[in-house]
Amino acid sequence: MLLQRTTYPNIADRIEMTYRNALIGIYTFGGCAVSFEEIIDPGETGWMEALSEMIGMDYAGLAEARARLVKSEADANTSAGFRLDPRLEALYEDLRAIKGRYLPPSTQYLRQIGGG
């Protein structure tokens, strides 16, 4: 922030725009959203189910590869309780709403490309 002389409001605007665009893309073209926390938490498996469904990858192979890379429990030290920006909190909740799910392309998109 200091090096680029960027203020927090500008950074928050960029974050919101980036992730809102990602959500629009997922709801339009299909896909899934996976957080880093999900990847490193051995107890989280929904993202692997969604990803394997989306790209046709074997779930067991994905789970095995992940088990080789992730050896410990997820870090329990979170920043719970710290609220910085209500817009970003709402955005985070929108992303969590599709956690562990593959969303297929929208009917409108499929119709546009001649696939639906």
PDB file of N, CA and C in Angstrom:
ATOM      1  N   MET A   1       0.820  -1.190   0.000  1.00  0.00           N
ATOM      2  CA  MET A   1       0.000   0.000   0.000  1.00  0.00           C
ATOM      3  C   MET A   1       0.863   1.254   0.000  1.00  0.00           C
ATOM      4  N   LEU A   2       1.903   1.234   0.818  1.00  0.00           N
ATOM      5  CA  LEU A   2       2.750   2.418   0.907  1.00  0.00           C
ATOM      6  C   LEU A   2       3.547   2.632  -0.370  1.00  0.00           C
ATOM      7  N   LEU A   3       4.096   1.552  -0.912  1.00  0.00           N
ATOM      8  CA  LEU A   3       4.912   1.656  -2.112  1.00  0.00           C
ATOM      9  C   LEU A   3       4.100   2.204  -3.297  1.00  0.00           C
ATOM     10  N   GLN A   4       2.887   1.739  -3.446  1.00  0.00           N
ATOM     11  CA  GLN A   4       2.041   2.169  -4.557  1.00  0.00           C
ATOM     12  C   GLN A   4       1.202   3.403  -4.224  1.00  0.00           C
ATOM     13  N   ARG A   5       1.310   3.848  -2.980  1.00  0.00           N
ATOM     14  CA  ARG A   5       0.511   4.988  -2.510  1.00  0.00           C
ATOM     15  C   ARG A   5      -0.982   4.736  -2.750  1.00  0.00           C
ATOM     16  N   THR A   6      -1.380   3.527  -2.435  1.00  0.00           N
ATOM     17  CA  THR A   6      -2.765   3.110  -2.604  1.00  0.00           C
ATOM     18  C   THR A   6      -3.439   3.081  -1.237  1.00  0.00           C
ATOM     19  N   THR A   7      -4.623   3.606  -1.179  1.00  0.00           N
ATOM     20  CA  THR A   7      -5.351   3.636   0.080  1.00  0.00           C
ATOM     21  C   THR A   7      -6.252   2.412   0.201  1.00  0.00           C
ATOM     22  N   TYR A   8      -6.664   2.144   1.418  1.00  0.00           N
ATOM     23  CA  TYR A   8      -7.529   0.987   1.638  1.00  0.00           C
ATOM     24  C   TYR A   8      -8.795   1.037   0.780  1.00  0.00           C
ATOM     25  N   PRO A   9      -9.503   2.150   0.687  1.00  0.00           N
ATOM     26  CA  PRO A   9     -10.715   2.135  -0.149  1.00  0.00           C
ATOM     27  C   PRO A   9     -10.458   1.677  -1.582  1.00  0.00           C
ATOM     28  N   ASN A  10      -9.321   2.073  -2.154  1.00  0.00           N
ATOM     29  CA  ASN A  10      -8.996   1.629  -3.513  1.00  0.00           C
ATOM     30  C   ASN A  10      -8.735   0.133  -3.568  1.00  0.00           C
ATOM     31  N   ILE A  11      -8.051  -0.375  -2.574  1.00  0.00           N
ATOM     32  CA  ILE A  11      -7.776  -1.810  -2.524  1.00  0.00           C
ATOM     33  C   ILE A  11      -9.079  -2.583  -2.350  1.00  0.00           C
ATOM     34  N   ALA A  12      -9.934  -2.131  -1.450  1.00  0.00           N
ATOM     35  CA  ALA A  12     -11.220  -2.799  -1.228  1.00  0.00           C
ATOM     36  C   ALA A  12     -12.055  -2.793  -2.503  1.00  0.00           C
ATOM     37  N   ASP A  13     -12.050  -1.691  -3.223  1.00  0.00           N
ATOM     38  CA  ASP A  13     -12.789  -1.612  -4.490  1.00  0.00           C
ATOM     39  C   ASP A  13     -12.264  -2.637  -5.490  1.00  0.00           C
ATOM     40  N   ARG A  14     -10.946  -2.776  -5.573  1.00  0.00           N
ATOM     41  CA  ARG A  14     -10.347  -3.751  -6.502  1.00  0.00           C
ATOM     42  C   ARG A  14     -10.697  -5.178  -6.101  1.00  0.00           C
ATOM     43  N   ILE A  15     -10.622  -5.458  -4.802  1.00  0.00           N
ATOM     44  CA  ILE A  15     -10.968  -6.800  -4.319  1.00  0.00           C
ATOM     45  C   ILE A  15     -12.417  -7.113  -4.655  1.00  0.00           C
ATOM     46  N   GLU A  16     -13.290  -6.173  -4.333  1.00  0.00           N
ATOM     47  CA  GLU A  16     -14.713  -6.401  -4.599  1.00  0.00           C
ATOM     48  C   GLU A  16     -14.960  -6.611  -6.091  1.00  0.00           C
ATOM     49  N   MET A  17     -14.377  -5.788  -6.940  1.00  0.00           N
ATOM     50  CA  MET A  17     -14.576  -5.917  -8.376  1.00  0.00           C
ATOM     51  C   MET A  17     -14.058  -7.274  -8.880  1.00  0.00           C
ATOM     52  N   THR A  18     -12.887  -7.674  -8.418  1.00  0.00           N
ATOM     53  CA  THR A  18     -12.296  -8.936  -8.852  1.00  0.00           C
ATOM     54  C   THR A  18     -13.175 -10.120  -8.490  1.00  0.00           C
ATOM     55  N   TYR A  19     -13.605 -10.197  -7.239  1.00  0.00           N
ATOM     56  CA  TYR A  19     -14.376 -11.353  -6.802  1.00  0.00           C
ATOM     57  C   TYR A  19     -15.824 -11.297  -7.254  1.00  0.00           C
ATOM     58  N   ARG A  20     -16.401 -10.117  -7.416  1.00  0.00           N
ATOM     59  CA  ARG A  20     -17.752 -10.019  -7.993  1.00  0.00           C
ATOM     60  C   ARG A  20     -17.719 -10.475  -9.447  1.00  0.00           C
ATOM     61  N   ASN A  21     -16.686 -10.070 -10.187  1.00  0.00           N
ATOM     62  CA  ASN A  21     -16.545 -10.532 -11.572  1.00  0.00           C
ATOM     63  C   ASN A  21     -16.389 -12.048 -11.620  1.00  0.00           C
ATOM     64  N   ALA A  22     -15.652 -12.602 -10.670  1.00  0.00           N
ATOM     65  CA  ALA A  22     -15.486 -14.057 -10.613  1.00  0.00           C
ATOM     66  C   ALA A  22     -16.830 -14.741 -10.371  1.00  0.00           C
ATOM     67  N   LEU A  23     -17.621 -14.204  -9.454  1.00  0.00           N
ATOM     68  CA  LEU A  23     -18.944 -14.783  -9.196  1.00  0.00           C
ATOM     69  C   LEU A  23     -19.842 -14.698 -10.426  1.00  0.00           C
ATOM     70  N   ILE A  24     -19.811 -13.563 -11.114  1.00  0.00           N
ATOM     71  CA  ILE A  24     -20.595 -13.422 -12.343  1.00  0.00           C
ATOM     72  C   ILE A  24     -20.147 -14.480 -13.353  1.00  0.00           C
ATOM     73  N   GLY A  25     -18.831 -14.668 -13.460  1.00  0.00           N
ATOM     74  CA  GLY A  25     -18.306 -15.685 -14.367  1.00  0.00           C
ATOM     75  C   GLY A  25     -18.749 -17.087 -14.003  1.00  0.00           C
ATOM     76  N   ILE A  26     -18.723 -17.411 -12.726  1.00  0.00           N
ATOM     77  CA  ILE A  26     -19.141 -18.746 -12.281  1.00  0.00           C
ATOM     78  C   ILE A  26     -20.620 -18.963 -12.568  1.00  0.00           C
ATOM     79  N   TYR A  27     -21.454 -17.987 -12.235  1.00  0.00           N
ATOM     80  CA  TYR A  27     -22.884 -18.134 -12.471  1.00  0.00           C
ATOM     81  C   TYR A  27     -23.230 -18.129 -13.960  1.00  0.00           C
ATOM     82  N   THR A  28     -22.411 -17.514 -14.783  1.00  0.00           N
ATOM     83  CA  THR A  28     -22.673 -17.466 -16.218  1.00  0.00           C
ATOM     84  C   THR A  28     -22.086 -18.675 -16.945  1.00  0.00           C
ATOM     85  N   PHE A  29     -20.784 -18.893 -16.780  1.00  0.00           N
ATOM     86  CA  PHE A  29     -20.073 -19.908 -17.550  1.00  0.00           C
ATOM     87  C   PHE A  29     -19.912 -21.239 -16.828  1.00  0.00           C
ATOM     88  N   GLY A  30     -20.298 -21.277 -15.552  1.00  0.00           N
ATOM     89  CA  GLY A  30     -20.154 -22.484 -14.748  1.00  0.00           C
ATOM     90  C   GLY A  30     -18.813 -22.482 -14.033  1.00  0.00           C
ATOM     91  N   GLY A  31     -18.714 -23.282 -13.021  1.00  0.00           N
ATOM     92  CA  GLY A  31     -17.463 -23.388 -12.284  1.00  0.00           C
ATOM     93  C   GLY A  31     -17.688 -23.588 -10.807  1.00  0.00           C
ATOM     94  N   CYS A  32     -16.620 -23.415 -10.053  1.00  0.00           N
ATOM     95  CA  CYS A  32     -16.692 -23.528  -8.605  1.00  0.00           C
ATOM     96  C   CYS A  32     -15.672 -22.575  -7.996  1.00  0.00           C
ATOM     97  N   ALA A  33     -15.893 -22.241  -6.742  1.00  0.00           N
ATOM     98  CA  ALA A  33     -14.974 -21.368  -6.013  1.00  0.00           C
ATOM     99  C   ALA A  33     -14.351 -22.184  -4.887  1.00  0.00           C
ATOM    100  N   VAL A  34     -13.041 -22.151  -4.800  1.00  0.00           N
ATOM    101  CA  VAL A  34     -12.327 -22.916  -3.780  1.00  0.00           C
ATOM    102  C   VAL A  34     -11.402 -21.970  -3.031  1.00  0.00           C
ATOM    103  N   SER A  35     -11.511 -21.967  -1.712  1.00  0.00           N
ATOM    104  CA  SER A  35     -10.626 -21.124  -0.913  1.00  0.00           C
ATOM    105  C   SER A  35      -9.362 -21.898  -0.541  1.00  0.00           C
ATOM    106  N   PHE A  36      -8.320 -21.165  -0.285  1.00  0.00           N
ATOM    107  CA  PHE A  36      -7.067 -21.782   0.156  1.00  0.00           C
ATOM    108  C   PHE A  36      -7.296 -22.573   1.444  1.00  0.00           C
ATOM    109  N   GLU A  37      -8.119 -22.024   2.340  1.00  0.00           N
ATOM    110  CA  GLU A  37      -8.403 -22.699   3.605  1.00  0.00           C
ATOM    111  C   GLU A  37      -9.026 -24.071   3.379  1.00  0.00           C
ATOM    112  N   GLU A  38      -9.897 -24.185   2.371  1.00  0.00           N
ATOM    113  CA  GLU A  38     -10.495 -25.478   2.049  1.00  0.00           C
ATOM    114  C   GLU A  38      -9.441 -26.465   1.565  1.00  0.00           C
ATOM    115  N   ILE A  39      -8.528 -25.984   0.751  1.00  0.00           N
ATOM    116  CA  ILE A  39      -7.506 -26.867   0.184  1.00  0.00           C
ATOM    117  C   ILE A  39      -6.611 -27.431   1.277  1.00  0.00           C
ATOM    118  N   ILE A  40      -6.221 -26.620   2.238  1.00  0.00           N
ATOM    119  CA  ILE A  40      -5.273 -27.096   3.248  1.00  0.00           C
ATOM    120  C   ILE A  40      -5.938 -27.785   4.435  1.00  0.00           C
ATOM    121  N   ASP A  41      -7.257 -27.731   4.536  1.00  0.00           N
ATOM    122  CA  ASP A  41      -7.962 -28.389   5.640  1.00  0.00           C
ATOM    123  C   ASP A  41      -8.322 -29.807   5.217  1.00  0.00           C
ATOM    124  N   PRO A  42      -7.691 -30.812   5.816  1.00  0.00           N
ATOM    125  CA  PRO A  42      -7.967 -32.196   5.424  1.00  0.00           C
ATOM    126  C   PRO A  42      -9.423 -32.608   5.606  1.00  0.00           C
ATOM    127  N   GLY A  43     -10.155 -31.906   6.451  1.00  0.00           N
ATOM    128  CA  GLY A  43     -11.562 -32.224   6.668  1.00  0.00           C
ATOM    129  C   GLY A  43     -12.495 -31.694   5.590  1.00  0.00           C
ATOM    130  N   GLU A  44     -12.000 -30.828   4.748  1.00  0.00           N
ATOM    131  CA  GLU A  44     -12.817 -30.247   3.678  1.00  0.00           C
ATOM    132  C   GLU A  44     -12.703 -31.105   2.421  1.00  0.00           C
ATOM    133  N   THR A  45     -13.813 -31.621   1.951  1.00  0.00           N
ATOM    134  CA  THR A  45     -13.799 -32.456   0.746  1.00  0.00           C
ATOM    135  C   THR A  45     -14.759 -31.975  -0.329  1.00  0.00           C
ATOM    136  N   GLY A  46     -15.664 -31.088   0.024  1.00  0.00           N
ATOM    137  CA  GLY A  46     -16.659 -30.625  -0.944  1.00  0.00           C
ATOM    138  C   GLY A  46     -16.049 -30.008  -2.185  1.00  0.00           C
ATOM    139  N   TRP A  47     -14.952 -29.273  -1.996  1.00  0.00           N
ATOM    140  CA  TRP A  47     -14.313 -28.629  -3.152  1.00  0.00           C
ATOM    141  C   TRP A  47     -13.761 -29.667  -4.125  1.00  0.00           C
ATOM    142  N   MET A  48     -13.289 -30.793  -3.585  1.00  0.00           N
ATOM    143  CA  MET A  48     -12.764 -31.831  -4.473  1.00  0.00           C
ATOM    144  C   MET A  48     -13.893 -32.472  -5.275  1.00  0.00           C
ATOM    145  N   GLU A  49     -15.044 -32.667  -4.627  1.00  0.00           N
ATOM    146  CA  GLU A  49     -16.199 -33.207  -5.342  1.00  0.00           C
ATOM    147  C   GLU A  49     -16.631 -32.258  -6.453  1.00  0.00           C
ATOM    148  N   ALA A  50     -16.700 -30.959  -6.128  1.00  0.00           N
ATOM    149  CA  ALA A  50     -17.113 -29.968  -7.121  1.00  0.00           C
ATOM    150  C   ALA A  50     -16.122 -29.898  -8.275  1.00  0.00           C
ATOM    151  N   LEU A  51     -14.831 -29.877  -7.952  1.00  0.00           N
ATOM    152  CA  LEU A  51     -13.809 -29.783  -8.987  1.00  0.00           C
ATOM    153  C   LEU A  51     -13.783 -31.028  -9.867  1.00  0.00           C
ATOM    154  N   SER A  52     -13.888 -32.199  -9.256  1.00  0.00           N
ATOM    155  CA  SER A  52     -13.865 -33.421 -10.058  1.00  0.00           C
ATOM    156  C   SER A  52     -15.093 -33.497 -10.965  1.00  0.00           C
ATOM    157  N   GLU A  53     -16.240 -33.014 -10.480  1.00  0.00           N
ATOM    158  CA  GLU A  53     -17.436 -32.980 -11.327  1.00  0.00           C
ATOM    159  C   GLU A  53     -17.265 -31.992 -12.473  1.00  0.00           C
ATOM    160  N   MET A  54     -16.673 -30.855 -12.179  1.00  0.00           N
ATOM    161  CA  MET A  54     -16.538 -29.798 -13.168  1.00  0.00           C
ATOM    162  C   MET A  54     -15.587 -30.181 -14.302  1.00  0.00           C
ATOM    163  N   ILE A  55     -14.434 -30.750 -13.957  1.00  0.00           N
ATOM    164  CA  ILE A  55     -13.433 -31.023 -14.992  1.00  0.00           C
ATOM    165  C   ILE A  55     -13.340 -32.494 -15.378  1.00  0.00           C
ATOM    166  N   GLY A  56     -14.149 -33.337 -14.721  1.00  0.00           N
ATOM    167  CA  GLY A  56     -14.148 -34.752 -15.057  1.00  0.00           C
ATOM    168  C   GLY A  56     -12.940 -35.505 -14.522  1.00  0.00           C
ATOM    169  N   MET A  57     -12.293 -34.950 -13.515  1.00  0.00           N
ATOM    170  CA  MET A  57     -11.130 -35.599 -12.913  1.00  0.00           C
ATOM    171  C   MET A  57     -11.586 -36.625 -11.881  1.00  0.00           C
ATOM    172  N   ASP A  58     -10.861 -37.701 -11.787  1.00  0.00           N
ATOM    173  CA  ASP A  58     -11.171 -38.755 -10.839  1.00  0.00           C
ATOM    174  C   ASP A  58     -11.046 -38.219  -9.405  1.00  0.00           C
ATOM    175  N   TYR A  59     -12.139 -38.312  -8.638  1.00  0.00           N
ATOM    176  CA  TYR A  59     -12.148 -37.802  -7.267  1.00  0.00           C
ATOM    177  C   TYR A  59     -11.082 -38.489  -6.416  1.00  0.00           C
ATOM    178  N   ALA A  60     -10.976 -39.798  -6.533  1.00  0.00           N
ATOM    179  CA  ALA A  60     -10.015 -40.536  -5.710  1.00  0.00           C
ATOM    180  C   ALA A  60      -8.586 -40.087  -6.001  1.00  0.00           C
ATOM    181  N   GLY A  61      -8.267 -39.855  -7.259  1.00  0.00           N
ATOM    182  CA  GLY A  61      -6.937 -39.381  -7.619  1.00  0.00           C
ATOM    183  C   GLY A  61      -6.660 -37.996  -7.070  1.00  0.00           C
ATOM    184  N   LEU A  62      -7.666 -37.132  -7.126  1.00  0.00           N
ATOM    185  CA  LEU A  62      -7.528 -35.788  -6.582  1.00  0.00           C
ATOM    186  C   LEU A  62      -7.341 -35.835  -5.068  1.00  0.00           C
ATOM    187  N   ALA A  63      -8.127 -36.675  -4.400  1.00  0.00           N
ATOM    188  CA  ALA A  63      -8.022 -36.811  -2.942  1.00  0.00           C
ATOM    189  C   ALA A  63      -6.657 -37.359  -2.539  1.00  0.00           C
ATOM    190  N   GLU A  64      -6.156 -38.305  -3.309  1.00  0.00           N
ATOM    191  CA  GLU A  64      -4.837 -38.891  -3.015  1.00  0.00           C
ATOM    192  C   GLU A  64      -3.731 -37.853  -3.191  1.00  0.00           C
ATOM    193  N   ALA A  65      -3.799 -37.092  -4.266  1.00  0.00           N
ATOM    194  CA  ALA A  65      -2.785 -36.055  -4.504  1.00  0.00           C
ATOM    195  C   ALA A  65      -2.832 -35.000  -3.416  1.00  0.00           C
ATOM    196  N   ARG A  66      -4.013 -34.616  -3.015  1.00  0.00           N
ATOM    197  CA  ARG A  66      -4.152 -33.632  -1.948  1.00  0.00           C
ATOM    198  C   ARG A  66      -3.605 -34.171  -0.627  1.00  0.00           C
ATOM    199  N   ALA A  67      -3.851 -35.435  -0.324  1.00  0.00           N
ATOM    200  CA  ALA A  67      -3.359 -36.041   0.920  1.00  0.00           C
ATOM    201  C   ALA A  67      -1.836 -36.049   0.963  1.00  0.00           C
ATOM    202  N   ARG A  68      -1.193 -36.227  -0.187  1.00  0.00           N
ATOM    203  CA  ARG A  68       0.272 -36.206  -0.227  1.00  0.00           C
ATOM    204  C   ARG A  68       0.804 -34.811   0.063  1.00  0.00           C
ATOM    205  N   LEU A  69       0.067 -33.789  -0.351  1.00  0.00           N
ATOM    206  CA  LEU A  69       0.535 -32.414  -0.195  1.00  0.00           C
ATOM    207  C   LEU A  69       0.151 -31.780   1.139  1.00  0.00           C
ATOM    208  N   VAL A  70      -0.989 -32.152   1.675  1.00  0.00           N
ATOM    209  CA  VAL A  70      -1.489 -31.554   2.912  1.00  0.00           C
ATOM    210  C   VAL A  70      -1.290 -32.553   4.043  1.00  0.00           C
ATOM    211  N   LYS A  71      -0.378 -32.225   4.937  1.00  0.00           N
ATOM    212  CA  LYS A  71      -0.018 -33.169   5.995  1.00  0.00           C
ATOM    213  C   LYS A  71      -0.583 -32.829   7.364  1.00  0.00           C
ATOM    214  N   SER A  72      -0.911 -31.564   7.610  1.00  0.00           N
ATOM    215  CA  SER A  72      -1.336 -31.195   8.959  1.00  0.00           C
ATOM    216  C   SER A  72      -2.723 -30.567   8.940  1.00  0.00           C
ATOM    217  N   GLU A  73      -3.268 -30.434  10.127  1.00  0.00           N
ATOM    218  CA  GLU A  73      -4.567 -29.792  10.273  1.00  0.00           C
ATOM    219  C   GLU A  73      -4.468 -28.336   9.854  1.00  0.00           C
ATOM    220  N   ALA A  74      -5.577 -27.790   9.413  1.00  0.00           N
ATOM    221  CA  ALA A  74      -5.605 -26.374   9.025  1.00  0.00           C
ATOM    222  C   ALA A  74      -5.293 -25.508  10.235  1.00  0.00           C
ATOM    223  N   ASP A  75      -4.681 -24.378   9.983  1.00  0.00           N
ATOM    224  CA  ASP A  75      -4.324 -23.434  11.035  1.00  0.00           C
ATOM    225  C   ASP A  75      -5.587 -22.935  11.716  1.00  0.00           C
ATOM    226  N   ALA A  76      -5.674 -23.131  13.018  1.00  0.00           N
ATOM    227  CA  ALA A  76      -6.854 -22.722  13.770  1.00  0.00           C
ATOM    228  C   ALA A  76      -6.840 -21.230  14.084  1.00  0.00           C
ATOM    229  N   ASN A  77      -5.730 -20.578  13.857  1.00  0.00           N
ATOM    230  CA  ASN A  77      -5.613 -19.155  14.160  1.00  0.00           C
ATOM    231  C   ASN A  77      -6.218 -18.337  13.025  1.00  0.00           C
ATOM    232  N   THR A  78      -7.471 -17.929  13.211  1.00  0.00           N
ATOM    233  CA  THR A  78      -8.147 -17.134  12.185  1.00  0.00           C
ATOM    234  C   THR A  78      -8.362 -15.727  12.705  1.00  0.00           C
ATOM    235  N   SER A  79      -8.764 -14.865  11.827  1.00  0.00           N
ATOM    236  CA  SER A  79      -9.005 -13.478  12.216  1.00  0.00           C
ATOM    237  C   SER A  79     -10.472 -13.252  12.549  1.00  0.00           C
ATOM    238  N   ALA A  80     -11.134 -14.269  13.087  1.00  0.00           N
ATOM    239  CA  ALA A  80     -12.547 -14.133  13.443  1.00  0.00           C
ATOM    240  C   ALA A  80     -12.718 -12.971  14.406  1.00  0.00           C
ATOM    241  N   GLY A  81     -13.763 -12.228  14.183  1.00  0.00           N
ATOM    242  CA  GLY A  81     -14.036 -11.088  15.040  1.00  0.00           C
ATOM    243  C   GLY A  81     -13.577  -9.771  14.461  1.00  0.00           C
ATOM    244  N   PHE A  82     -12.643  -9.810  13.541  1.00  0.00           N
ATOM    245  CA  PHE A  82     -12.144  -8.578  12.928  1.00  0.00           C
ATOM    246  C   PHE A  82     -13.004  -8.250  11.722  1.00  0.00           C
ATOM    247  N   ARG A  83     -13.675  -7.122  11.765  1.00  0.00           N
ATOM    248  CA  ARG A  83     -14.549  -6.713  10.675  1.00  0.00           C
ATOM    249  C   ARG A  83     -13.994  -5.440  10.071  1.00  0.00           C
ATOM    250  N   LEU A  84     -13.652  -5.504   8.814  1.00  0.00           N
ATOM    251  CA  LEU A  84     -13.019  -4.373   8.163  1.00  0.00           C
ATOM    252  C   LEU A  84     -13.964  -3.625   7.236  1.00  0.00           C
ATOM    253  N   ASP A  85     -14.735  -4.367   6.440  1.00  0.00           N
ATOM    254  CA  ASP A  85     -15.545  -3.729   5.418  1.00  0.00           C
ATOM    255  C   ASP A  85     -16.803  -4.558   5.184  1.00  0.00           C
ATOM    256  N   PRO A  86     -17.980  -4.004   5.427  1.00  0.00           N
ATOM    257  CA  PRO A  86     -19.221  -4.762   5.238  1.00  0.00           C
ATOM    258  C   PRO A  86     -19.410  -5.271   3.811  1.00  0.00           C
ATOM    259  N   ARG A  87     -18.931  -4.526   2.810  1.00  0.00           N
ATOM    260  CA  ARG A  87     -19.052  -4.986   1.419  1.00  0.00           C
ATOM    261  C   ARG A  87     -18.276  -6.271   1.209  1.00  0.00           C
ATOM    262  N   LEU A  88     -17.065  -6.333   1.760  1.00  0.00           N
ATOM    263  CA  LEU A  88     -16.243  -7.516   1.571  1.00  0.00           C
ATOM    264  C   LEU A  88     -16.768  -8.684   2.392  1.00  0.00           C
ATOM    265  N   GLU A  89     -17.353  -8.406   3.532  1.00  0.00           N
ATOM    266  CA  GLU A  89     -17.973  -9.469   4.320  1.00  0.00           C
ATOM    267  C   GLU A  89     -19.145 -10.072   3.552  1.00  0.00           C
ATOM    268  N   ALA A  90     -19.967  -9.220   2.924  1.00  0.00           N
ATOM    269  CA  ALA A  90     -21.089  -9.707   2.127  1.00  0.00           C
ATOM    270  C   ALA A  90     -20.591 -10.517   0.935  1.00  0.00           C
ATOM    271  N   LEU A  91     -19.519 -10.067   0.322  1.00  0.00           N
ATOM    272  CA  LEU A  91     -18.924 -10.778  -0.801  1.00  0.00           C
ATOM    273  C   LEU A  91     -18.422 -12.149  -0.357  1.00  0.00           C
ATOM    274  N   TYR A  92     -17.776 -12.191   0.791  1.00  0.00           N
ATOM    275  CA  TYR A  92     -17.290 -13.461   1.335  1.00  0.00           C
ATOM    276  C   TYR A  92     -18.463 -14.422   1.555  1.00  0.00           C
ATOM    277  N   GLU A  93     -19.562 -13.921   2.059  1.00  0.00           N
ATOM    278  CA  GLU A  93     -20.745 -14.770   2.274  1.00  0.00           C
ATOM    279  C   GLU A  93     -21.308 -15.268   0.946  1.00  0.00           C
ATOM    280  N   ASP A  94     -21.287 -14.432  -0.078  1.00  0.00           N
ATOM    281  CA  ASP A  94     -21.738 -14.873  -1.403  1.00  0.00           C
ATOM    282  C   ASP A  94     -20.853 -15.993  -1.931  1.00  0.00           C
ATOM    283  N   LEU A  95     -19.562 -15.894  -1.705  1.00  0.00           N
ATOM    284  CA  LEU A  95     -18.640 -16.951  -2.130  1.00  0.00           C
ATOM    285  C   LEU A  95     -18.859 -18.225  -1.311  1.00  0.00           C
ATOM    286  N   ARG A  96     -19.062 -18.074  -0.010  1.00  0.00           N
ATOM    287  CA  ARG A  96     -19.296 -19.242   0.841  1.00  0.00           C
ATOM    288  C   ARG A  96     -20.606 -19.941   0.496  1.00  0.00           C
ATOM    289  N   ALA A  97     -21.553 -19.216  -0.080  1.00  0.00           N
ATOM    290  CA  ALA A  97     -22.839 -19.804  -0.446  1.00  0.00           C
ATOM    291  C   ALA A  97     -22.689 -20.872  -1.526  1.00  0.00           C
ATOM    292  N   ILE A  98     -21.621 -20.808  -2.301  1.00  0.00           N
ATOM    293  CA  ILE A  98     -21.404 -21.818  -3.341  1.00  0.00           C
ATOM    294  C   ILE A  98     -20.276 -22.775  -2.971  1.00  0.00           C
ATOM    295  N   LYS A  99     -19.858 -22.752  -1.725  1.00  0.00           N
ATOM    296  CA  LYS A  99     -18.785 -23.629  -1.242  1.00  0.00           C
ATOM    297  C   LYS A  99     -19.125 -25.097  -1.504  1.00  0.00           C
ATOM    298  N   GLY A 100     -18.172 -25.806  -2.082  1.00  0.00           N
ATOM    299  CA  GLY A 100     -18.334 -27.237  -2.303  1.00  0.00           C
ATOM    300  C   GLY A 100     -19.315 -27.604  -3.401  1.00  0.00           C
ATOM    301  N   ARG A 101     -19.646 -26.653  -4.250  1.00  0.00           N
ATOM    302  CA  ARG A 101     -20.609 -26.906  -5.315  1.00  0.00           C
ATOM    303  C   ARG A 101     -20.022 -26.565  -6.674  1.00  0.00           C
ATOM    304  N   TYR A 102     -20.399 -27.363  -7.650  1.00  0.00           N
ATOM    305  CA  TYR A 102     -20.113 -27.034  -9.042  1.00  0.00           C
ATOM    306  C   TYR A 102     -21.388 -26.439  -9.618  1.00  0.00           C
ATOM    307  N   LEU A 103     -21.291 -25.267 -10.168  1.00  0.00           N
ATOM    308  CA  LEU A 103     -22.436 -24.644 -10.821  1.00  0.00           C
ATOM    309  C   LEU A 103     -22.262 -24.807 -12.320  1.00  0.00           C
ATOM    310  N   PRO A 104     -23.229 -25.422 -12.982  1.00  0.00           N
ATOM    311  CA  PRO A 104     -23.117 -25.578 -14.435  1.00  0.00           C
ATOM    312  C   PRO A 104     -23.328 -24.245 -15.136  1.00  0.00           C
ATOM    313  N   PRO A 105     -22.951 -24.156 -16.400  1.00  0.00           N
ATOM    314  CA  PRO A 105     -23.181 -22.913 -17.148  1.00  0.00           C
ATOM    315  C   PRO A 105     -24.668 -22.559 -17.157  1.00  0.00           C
ATOM    316  N   SER A 106     -24.946 -21.267 -17.215  1.00  0.00           N
ATOM    317  CA  SER A 106     -26.336 -20.812 -17.213  1.00  0.00           C
ATOM    318  C   SER A 106     -27.039 -21.224 -18.500  1.00  0.00           C
ATOM    319  N   THR A 107     -28.353 -21.350 -18.416  1.00  0.00           N
ATOM    320  CA  THR A 107     -29.161 -21.684 -19.583  1.00  0.00           C
ATOM    321  C   THR A 107     -28.983 -20.639 -20.677  1.00  0.00           C
ATOM    322  N   GLN A 108     -28.918 -19.375 -20.271  1.00  0.00           N
ATOM    323  CA  GLN A 108     -28.744 -18.294 -21.243  1.00  0.00           C
ATOM    324  C   GLN A 108     -27.423 -18.446 -21.998  1.00  0.00           C
ATOM    325  N   TYR A 109     -26.353 -18.774 -21.272  1.00  0.00           N
ATOM    326  CA  TYR A 109     -25.054 -18.953 -21.925  1.00  0.00           C
ATOM    327  C   TYR A 109     -25.089 -20.145 -22.876  1.00  0.00           C
ATOM    328  N   LEU A 110     -25.640 -21.252 -22.408  1.00  0.00           N
ATOM    329  CA  LEU A 110     -25.699 -22.444 -23.259  1.00  0.00           C
ATOM    330  C   LEU A 110     -26.530 -22.182 -24.515  1.00  0.00           C
ATOM    331  N   ARG A 111     -27.619 -21.439 -24.370  1.00  0.00           N
ATOM    332  CA  ARG A 111     -28.431 -21.084 -25.520  1.00  0.00           C
ATOM    333  C   ARG A 111     -27.623 -20.223 -26.491  1.00  0.00           C
ATOM    334  N   GLN A 112     -26.852 -19.305 -25.964  1.00  0.00           N
ATOM    335  CA  GLN A 112     -26.038 -18.384 -26.787  1.00  0.00           C
ATOM    336  C   GLN A 112     -25.001 -19.137 -27.624  1.00  0.00           C
ATOM    337  N   ILE A 113     -24.389 -20.172 -27.012  1.00  0.00           N
ATOM    338  CA  ILE A 113     -23.352 -20.916 -27.737  1.00  0.00           C
ATOM    339  C   ILE A 113     -23.921 -22.096 -28.516  1.00  0.00           C
ATOM    340  N   GLY A 114     -25.241 -22.266 -28.438  1.00  0.00           N
ATOM    341  CA  GLY A 114     -25.890 -23.339 -29.186  1.00  0.00           C
ATOM    342  C   GLY A 114     -25.815 -24.681 -28.495  1.00  0.00           C
ATOM    343  N   GLY A 115     -25.590 -24.660 -27.192  1.00  0.00           N
ATOM    344  CA  GLY A 115     -25.502 -25.928 -26.466  1.00  0.00           C
ATOM    345  C   GLY A 115     -26.672 -26.191 -25.539  1.00  0.00           C
ATOM    346  N   GLY A 116     -27.747 -25.429 -25.646  1.00  0.00           N
ATOM    347  CA  GLY A 116     -28.836 -25.660 -24.701  1.00  0.00           C
ATOM    348  C   GLY A 116     -30.157 -25.218 -25.129  1.00  0.00           C
TER     349      GLY A 116
END
